[in-house]
Amino acid sequence: MRADYTSDTAAYRAIAPKLGCSPDSLCSWCQQAERDAGQRAGLTSTEKDRIKELERENRELRTANEILKKASAYFAAEELDRPFKP
């Protein structure tokens, strides 16, 4: 198919309107497909998804950690305010 066009850019410009997308989008999709097939350097779709999942998990853990720090400080302050009973 690519042999029918003078360049990849020419192919993207000719094919993209038939797919209802921009040539840039088609180019990106083709490059990602090449990465996924091991034909191009870079992160595969699976690796990108895993990174996104780890970043989401990291945000959730940071939020949980902040909540625990605040709760710990609150209960520590309550403990200090309580009268001493031997």
C-alpha atoms as a PDB file:
ATOM      1  CA  MET A   1       0.000   0.000   0.000  1.00  0.00           C
ATOM      2  CA  ARG A   2       2.758   2.464   0.904  1.00  0.00           C
ATOM      3  CA  ALA A   3       4.459   1.653  -2.377  1.00  0.00           C
ATOM      4  CA  ASP A   4       1.507   3.307  -4.140  1.00  0.00           C
ATOM      5  CA  TYR A   5       2.534   6.701  -2.699  1.00  0.00           C
ATOM      6  CA  THR A   6       5.661   8.808  -3.050  1.00  0.00           C
ATOM      7  CA  SER A   7       6.063   9.092   0.732  1.00  0.00           C
ATOM      8  CA  ASP A   8       4.395   8.185   4.009  1.00  0.00           C
ATOM      9  CA  THR A   9       3.173  11.765   4.279  1.00  0.00           C
ATOM     10  CA  ALA A  10       1.506  11.502   0.874  1.00  0.00           C
ATOM     11  CA  ALA A  11      -0.147   8.257   1.946  1.00  0.00           C
ATOM     12  CA  TYR A  12      -1.451   9.804   5.179  1.00  0.00           C
ATOM     13  CA  ARG A  13      -2.830  12.819   3.298  1.00  0.00           C
ATOM     14  CA  ALA A  14      -4.610  10.607   0.780  1.00  0.00           C
ATOM     15  CA  ILE A  15      -5.971   8.007   3.205  1.00  0.00           C
ATOM     16  CA  ALA A  16      -6.873  10.105   6.276  1.00  0.00           C
ATOM     17  CA  PRO A  17      -9.951  11.813   4.756  1.00  0.00           C
ATOM     18  CA  LYS A  18     -11.318   8.388   3.785  1.00  0.00           C
ATOM     19  CA  LEU A  19     -11.064   7.365   7.458  1.00  0.00           C
ATOM     20  CA  GLY A  20     -12.481  10.650   8.723  1.00  0.00           C
ATOM     21  CA  CYS A  21      -9.366  11.700  10.597  1.00  0.00           C
ATOM     22  CA  SER A  22      -6.458  14.088  10.155  1.00  0.00           C
ATOM     23  CA  PRO A  23      -3.219  13.026   8.474  1.00  0.00           C
ATOM     24  CA  ASP A  24      -1.402  13.740  11.751  1.00  0.00           C
ATOM     25  CA  SER A  25      -3.686  11.362  13.653  1.00  0.00           C
ATOM     26  CA  LEU A  26      -3.205   8.638  11.056  1.00  0.00           C
ATOM     27  CA  CYS A  27       0.557   9.160  11.199  1.00  0.00           C
ATOM     28  CA  SER A  28       0.530   8.829  14.994  1.00  0.00           C
ATOM     29  CA  TRP A  29      -1.560   5.664  14.837  1.00  0.00           C
ATOM     30  CA  CYS A  30       0.726   4.114  12.234  1.00  0.00           C
ATOM     31  CA  GLN A  31       3.828   4.974  14.245  1.00  0.00           C
ATOM     32  CA  GLN A  32       2.275   3.483  17.378  1.00  0.00           C
ATOM     33  CA  ALA A  33       1.363   0.324  15.457  1.00  0.00           C
ATOM     34  CA  GLU A  34       5.009   0.083  14.361  1.00  0.00           C
ATOM     35  CA  ARG A  35       6.149   0.458  17.994  1.00  0.00           C
ATOM     36  CA  ASP A  36       3.699  -2.230  19.073  1.00  0.00           C
ATOM     37  CA  ALA A  37       5.040  -4.540  16.352  1.00  0.00           C
ATOM     38  CA  GLY A  38       8.648  -3.883  17.419  1.00  0.00           C
ATOM     39  CA  GLN A  39       9.488  -2.134  14.154  1.00  0.00           C
ATOM     40  CA  ARG A  40      10.078   1.293  15.729  1.00  0.00           C
ATOM     41  CA  ALA A  41      11.768   2.399  18.937  1.00  0.00           C
ATOM     42  CA  GLY A  42       9.615   3.745  21.743  1.00  0.00           C
ATOM     43  CA  LEU A  43       6.984   2.676  24.241  1.00  0.00           C
ATOM     44  CA  THR A  44       4.389   0.133  23.155  1.00  0.00           C
ATOM     45  CA  SER A  45       0.700   0.692  23.844  1.00  0.00           C
ATOM     46  CA  THR A  46       0.885  -1.884  26.646  1.00  0.00           C
ATOM     47  CA  GLU A  47       3.808  -0.062  28.248  1.00  0.00           C
ATOM     48  CA  LYS A  48       2.015   3.295  27.943  1.00  0.00           C
ATOM     49  CA  ASP A  49      -1.114   1.817  29.545  1.00  0.00           C
ATOM     50  CA  ARG A  50       0.956   0.331  32.392  1.00  0.00           C
ATOM     51  CA  ILE A  51       2.686   3.666  33.034  1.00  0.00           C
ATOM     52  CA  LYS A  52      -0.677   5.450  33.067  1.00  0.00           C
ATOM     53  CA  GLU A  53      -2.017   2.859  35.535  1.00  0.00           C
ATOM     54  CA  LEU A  54       1.030   3.236  37.789  1.00  0.00           C
ATOM     55  CA  GLU A  55       0.763   7.040  37.716  1.00  0.00           C
ATOM     56  CA  ARG A  56      -2.925   6.791  38.730  1.00  0.00           C
ATOM     57  CA  GLU A  57      -2.052   4.373  41.530  1.00  0.00           C
ATOM     58  CA  ASN A  58       0.768   6.672  42.651  1.00  0.00           C
ATOM     59  CA  ARG A  59      -1.649   9.649  42.836  1.00  0.00           C
ATOM     60  CA  GLU A  60      -4.107   7.587  44.884  1.00  0.00           C
ATOM     61  CA  LEU A  61      -1.366   6.442  47.272  1.00  0.00           C
ATOM     62  CA  ARG A  62      -0.096  10.013  47.717  1.00  0.00           C
ATOM     63  CA  THR A  63      -3.634  11.137  48.524  1.00  0.00           C
ATOM     64  CA  ALA A  64      -4.105   8.296  51.007  1.00  0.00           C
ATOM     65  CA  ASN A  65      -0.727   9.106  52.572  1.00  0.00           C
ATOM     66  CA  GLU A  66      -1.705  12.764  53.027  1.00  0.00           C
ATOM     67  CA  ILE A  67      -4.993  11.725  54.657  1.00  0.00           C
ATOM     68  CA  LEU A  68      -3.130   9.401  57.034  1.00  0.00           C
ATOM     69  CA  LYS A  69      -0.623  12.140  57.927  1.00  0.00           C
ATOM     70  CA  LYS A  70      -3.441  14.563  58.733  1.00  0.00           C
ATOM     71  CA  ALA A  71      -5.322  11.962  60.759  1.00  0.00           C
ATOM     72  CA  SER A  72      -2.160  11.060  62.646  1.00  0.00           C
ATOM     73  CA  ALA A  73      -1.465  14.722  63.456  1.00  0.00           C
ATOM     74  CA  TYR A  74      -5.078  15.221  64.550  1.00  0.00           C
ATOM     75  CA  PHE A  75      -5.056  12.226  66.905  1.00  0.00           C
ATOM     76  CA  ALA A  76      -1.595  13.128  68.236  1.00  0.00           C
ATOM     77  CA  ALA A  77      -2.890  16.615  69.098  1.00  0.00           C
ATOM     78  CA  GLU A  78      -5.946  15.087  70.801  1.00  0.00           C
ATOM     79  CA  GLU A  79      -3.663  12.830  72.837  1.00  0.00           C
ATOM     80  CA  LEU A  80      -1.618  15.834  74.012  1.00  0.00           C
ATOM     81  CA  ASP A  81      -4.735  17.758  75.041  1.00  0.00           C
ATOM     82  CA  ARG A  82      -6.019  14.906  77.205  1.00  0.00           C
ATOM     83  CA  PRO A  83      -5.317  15.197  80.953  1.00  0.00           C
ATOM     84  CA  PHE A  84      -2.695  12.844  82.357  1.00  0.00           C
ATOM     85  CA  LYS A  85      -4.037   9.943  84.452  1.00  0.00           C
ATOM     86  CA  PRO A  86      -1.370   7.815  86.186  1.00  0.00           C
END
